[in-house]
Amino acid sequence: MNSAASKPAFAPPMAPPRKLRMAFFVFLGVYPLVTLGLMLLLPLTPGWPVPARTAVLVPVIVVAMVWGIIPFIMTRLRRFL
């Protein structure tokens, strides 16, 4: 039997995630990452000004969000949104 015949010709569009729930899940993913990042970074950068520390930490956080946290939320936690 052809498996394509059993699938509908089109999938109904998924509803966009609710912004408040999405923000909550992003917070749950980002907060521990920022906390851990600061705990690791602060001892390695004594005396550095805050903007320099931020310049080191923010790219790590952004990469983790774009390729890790948000895709995880949108795929694995989609049913909770």
N, C-alpha and C. Protein backbone atom coordinates (compact mmCIF):
# COMPACT_ATOMS: atom_id res chain seq x y z
N MET A 1 0.85 -1.18 0.00
CA MET A 1 0.00 0.00 0.00
C MET A 1 0.88 1.23 0.00
N ASN A 2 0.50 2.20 -0.74
CA ASN A 2 1.26 3.44 -0.85
C ASN A 2 1.02 4.29 0.40
N SER A 3 2.12 4.65 1.10
CA SER A 3 1.96 5.42 2.32
C SER A 3 1.53 6.85 2.04
N ALA A 4 1.83 7.34 0.85
CA ALA A 4 1.42 8.70 0.50
C ALA A 4 -0.10 8.80 0.37
N ALA A 5 -0.74 7.68 0.00
CA ALA A 5 -2.19 7.70 -0.16
C ALA A 5 -2.89 7.85 1.18
N SER A 6 -2.25 7.41 2.26
CA SER A 6 -2.90 7.48 3.55
C SER A 6 -2.71 8.85 4.22
N LYS A 7 -1.79 9.66 3.69
CA LYS A 7 -1.55 10.98 4.26
C LYS A 7 -2.42 12.00 3.54
N PRO A 8 -2.89 13.02 4.25
CA PRO A 8 -3.66 14.06 3.56
C PRO A 8 -2.76 14.82 2.58
N ALA A 9 -3.37 15.41 1.58
CA ALA A 9 -2.63 16.14 0.56
C ALA A 9 -1.93 17.36 1.14
N PHE A 10 -2.49 17.91 2.20
CA PHE A 10 -1.87 19.06 2.84
C PHE A 10 -2.09 18.94 4.35
N ALA A 11 -1.19 19.54 5.09
CA ALA A 11 -1.33 19.54 6.55
C ALA A 11 -1.96 20.86 6.96
N PRO A 12 -2.87 20.82 7.91
CA PRO A 12 -3.47 22.07 8.35
C PRO A 12 -2.40 22.93 9.03
N PRO A 13 -2.48 24.24 8.86
CA PRO A 13 -1.47 25.10 9.47
C PRO A 13 -1.53 25.02 10.99
N MET A 14 -0.34 25.06 11.59
CA MET A 14 -0.28 25.02 13.05
C MET A 14 -0.53 26.43 13.57
N ALA A 15 -1.19 26.52 14.69
CA ALA A 15 -1.43 27.82 15.31
C ALA A 15 -0.10 28.37 15.83
N PRO A 16 0.10 29.66 15.73
CA PRO A 16 1.35 30.22 16.27
C PRO A 16 1.39 30.04 17.78
N PRO A 17 2.59 29.93 18.34
CA PRO A 17 2.67 29.75 19.79
C PRO A 17 2.19 30.99 20.52
N ARG A 18 1.67 30.78 21.70
CA ARG A 18 1.25 31.90 22.53
C ARG A 18 2.50 32.59 23.05
N LYS A 19 2.52 33.89 22.95
CA LYS A 19 3.72 34.65 23.28
C LYS A 19 4.12 34.51 24.74
N LEU A 20 3.18 34.53 25.64
CA LEU A 20 3.51 34.43 27.06
C LEU A 20 4.11 33.07 27.40
N ARG A 21 3.53 32.01 26.86
CA ARG A 21 4.08 30.68 27.11
C ARG A 21 5.45 30.51 26.46
N MET A 22 5.59 31.03 25.24
CA MET A 22 6.88 30.97 24.56
C MET A 22 7.94 31.72 25.36
N ALA A 23 7.59 32.89 25.85
CA ALA A 23 8.52 33.67 26.68
C ALA A 23 8.90 32.90 27.93
N PHE A 24 7.94 32.21 28.53
CA PHE A 24 8.21 31.43 29.74
C PHE A 24 9.20 30.30 29.45
N PHE A 25 8.99 29.58 28.35
CA PHE A 25 9.89 28.47 28.02
C PHE A 25 11.27 28.98 27.62
N VAL A 26 11.34 30.11 26.93
CA VAL A 26 12.64 30.69 26.59
C VAL A 26 13.35 31.10 27.87
N PHE A 27 12.62 31.69 28.80
CA PHE A 27 13.21 32.06 30.10
C PHE A 27 13.78 30.83 30.80
N LEU A 28 13.01 29.74 30.80
CA LEU A 28 13.49 28.51 31.46
C LEU A 28 14.75 27.95 30.81
N GLY A 29 14.93 28.20 29.53
CA GLY A 29 16.14 27.74 28.87
C GLY A 29 17.31 28.69 29.00
N VAL A 30 17.03 30.00 28.97
CA VAL A 30 18.09 30.99 28.95
C VAL A 30 18.62 31.29 30.35
N TYR A 31 17.76 31.36 31.33
CA TYR A 31 18.20 31.71 32.69
C TYR A 31 19.32 30.80 33.20
N PRO A 32 19.17 29.48 33.14
CA PRO A 32 20.26 28.63 33.61
C PRO A 32 21.53 28.78 32.76
N LEU A 33 21.35 29.02 31.47
CA LEU A 33 22.51 29.21 30.60
C LEU A 33 23.28 30.47 30.97
N VAL A 34 22.57 31.56 31.21
CA VAL A 34 23.22 32.81 31.61
C VAL A 34 23.89 32.66 32.97
N THR A 35 23.19 32.03 33.90
CA THR A 35 23.75 31.84 35.24
C THR A 35 25.02 31.00 35.18
N LEU A 36 24.97 29.89 34.48
CA LEU A 36 26.15 29.03 34.35
C LEU A 36 27.26 29.76 33.61
N GLY A 37 26.91 30.49 32.56
CA GLY A 37 27.90 31.24 31.81
C GLY A 37 28.62 32.27 32.69
N LEU A 38 27.86 32.97 33.51
CA LEU A 38 28.48 33.94 34.41
C LEU A 38 29.35 33.26 35.46
N MET A 39 28.88 32.14 35.98
CA MET A 39 29.67 31.41 36.99
C MET A 39 31.00 30.94 36.42
N LEU A 40 31.00 30.57 35.15
CA LEU A 40 32.24 30.13 34.50
C LEU A 40 33.11 31.30 34.06
N LEU A 41 32.47 32.38 33.62
CA LEU A 41 33.20 33.50 33.04
C LEU A 41 33.82 34.42 34.10
N LEU A 42 33.13 34.66 35.18
CA LEU A 42 33.62 35.63 36.17
C LEU A 42 35.00 35.27 36.74
N PRO A 43 35.26 34.02 37.11
CA PRO A 43 36.60 33.72 37.62
C PRO A 43 37.69 33.83 36.55
N LEU A 44 37.32 33.67 35.28
CA LEU A 44 38.30 33.74 34.20
C LEU A 44 38.60 35.17 33.75
N THR A 45 37.75 36.12 34.16
CA THR A 45 37.90 37.50 33.70
C THR A 45 37.91 38.49 34.86
N PRO A 46 38.78 38.29 35.86
CA PRO A 46 38.79 39.24 36.98
C PRO A 46 39.27 40.61 36.50
N GLY A 47 38.56 41.63 36.94
CA GLY A 47 38.94 42.98 36.59
C GLY A 47 38.44 43.46 35.24
N TRP A 48 37.81 42.59 34.47
CA TRP A 48 37.29 43.02 33.16
C TRP A 48 36.06 43.91 33.39
N PRO A 49 35.87 44.91 32.56
CA PRO A 49 34.63 45.71 32.67
C PRO A 49 33.43 44.87 32.21
N VAL A 50 32.27 45.23 32.71
CA VAL A 50 31.04 44.49 32.39
C VAL A 50 30.79 44.41 30.89
N PRO A 51 30.97 45.48 30.11
CA PRO A 51 30.73 45.35 28.66
C PRO A 51 31.63 44.32 27.98
N ALA A 52 32.86 44.17 28.45
CA ALA A 52 33.75 43.17 27.86
C ALA A 52 33.27 41.76 28.19
N ARG A 53 32.85 41.55 29.42
CA ARG A 53 32.31 40.23 29.81
C ARG A 53 31.05 39.92 29.01
N THR A 54 30.22 40.95 28.86
CA THR A 54 28.98 40.77 28.09
C THR A 54 29.29 40.42 26.64
N ALA A 55 30.31 41.04 26.07
CA ALA A 55 30.69 40.77 24.69
C ALA A 55 31.16 39.33 24.50
N VAL A 56 31.66 38.72 25.54
CA VAL A 56 32.08 37.31 25.47
C VAL A 56 30.88 36.39 25.66
N LEU A 57 30.00 36.73 26.57
CA LEU A 57 28.90 35.84 26.93
C LEU A 57 27.73 35.88 25.95
N VAL A 58 27.39 37.05 25.44
CA VAL A 58 26.20 37.19 24.59
C VAL A 58 26.26 36.33 23.33
N PRO A 59 27.36 36.27 22.60
CA PRO A 59 27.37 35.40 21.42
C PRO A 59 27.10 33.93 21.75
N VAL A 60 27.60 33.47 22.88
CA VAL A 60 27.35 32.09 23.30
C VAL A 60 25.86 31.89 23.56
N ILE A 61 25.25 32.84 24.24
CA ILE A 61 23.82 32.76 24.56
C ILE A 61 22.99 32.79 23.27
N VAL A 62 23.32 33.69 22.36
CA VAL A 62 22.56 33.81 21.10
C VAL A 62 22.65 32.53 20.29
N VAL A 63 23.84 31.97 20.15
CA VAL A 63 24.00 30.72 19.40
C VAL A 63 23.20 29.60 20.06
N ALA A 64 23.27 29.52 21.39
CA ALA A 64 22.51 28.49 22.10
C ALA A 64 21.01 28.67 21.91
N MET A 65 20.54 29.91 21.87
CA MET A 65 19.12 30.15 21.67
C MET A 65 18.67 29.78 20.25
N VAL A 66 19.43 30.26 19.25
CA VAL A 66 19.02 30.09 17.86
C VAL A 66 19.11 28.64 17.41
N TRP A 67 20.16 27.94 17.81
CA TRP A 67 20.35 26.57 17.33
C TRP A 67 20.06 25.51 18.38
N GLY A 68 19.67 25.90 19.58
CA GLY A 68 19.42 24.91 20.62
C GLY A 68 18.09 25.08 21.33
N ILE A 69 17.97 26.15 22.08
CA ILE A 69 16.82 26.34 22.96
C ILE A 69 15.52 26.52 22.18
N ILE A 70 15.49 27.45 21.25
CA ILE A 70 14.25 27.72 20.53
C ILE A 70 13.84 26.56 19.64
N PRO A 71 14.75 25.92 18.89
CA PRO A 71 14.32 24.73 18.14
C PRO A 71 13.81 23.61 19.05
N PHE A 72 14.43 23.45 20.22
CA PHE A 72 13.96 22.43 21.16
C PHE A 72 12.53 22.74 21.62
N ILE A 73 12.29 24.00 21.94
CA ILE A 73 10.95 24.41 22.37
C ILE A 73 9.94 24.19 21.25
N MET A 74 10.29 24.59 20.03
CA MET A 74 9.35 24.52 18.92
C MET A 74 9.08 23.09 18.46
N THR A 75 9.99 22.16 18.72
CA THR A 75 9.76 20.78 18.30
C THR A 75 9.28 19.91 19.46
N ARG A 76 10.03 19.87 20.52
CA ARG A 76 9.72 18.94 21.60
C ARG A 76 8.66 19.45 22.58
N LEU A 77 8.56 20.77 22.72
CA LEU A 77 7.60 21.33 23.68
C LEU A 77 6.44 22.03 23.00
N ARG A 78 6.29 21.81 21.71
CA ARG A 78 5.25 22.50 20.92
C ARG A 78 3.85 22.28 21.50
N ARG A 79 3.59 21.11 22.01
CA ARG A 79 2.23 20.82 22.50
C ARG A 79 1.88 21.66 23.74
N PHE A 80 2.87 22.19 24.43
CA PHE A 80 2.62 23.01 25.62
C PHE A 80 2.43 24.48 25.27
N LEU A 81 2.74 24.84 24.05
CA LEU A 81 2.61 26.24 23.65
C LEU A 81 1.17 26.50 23.28
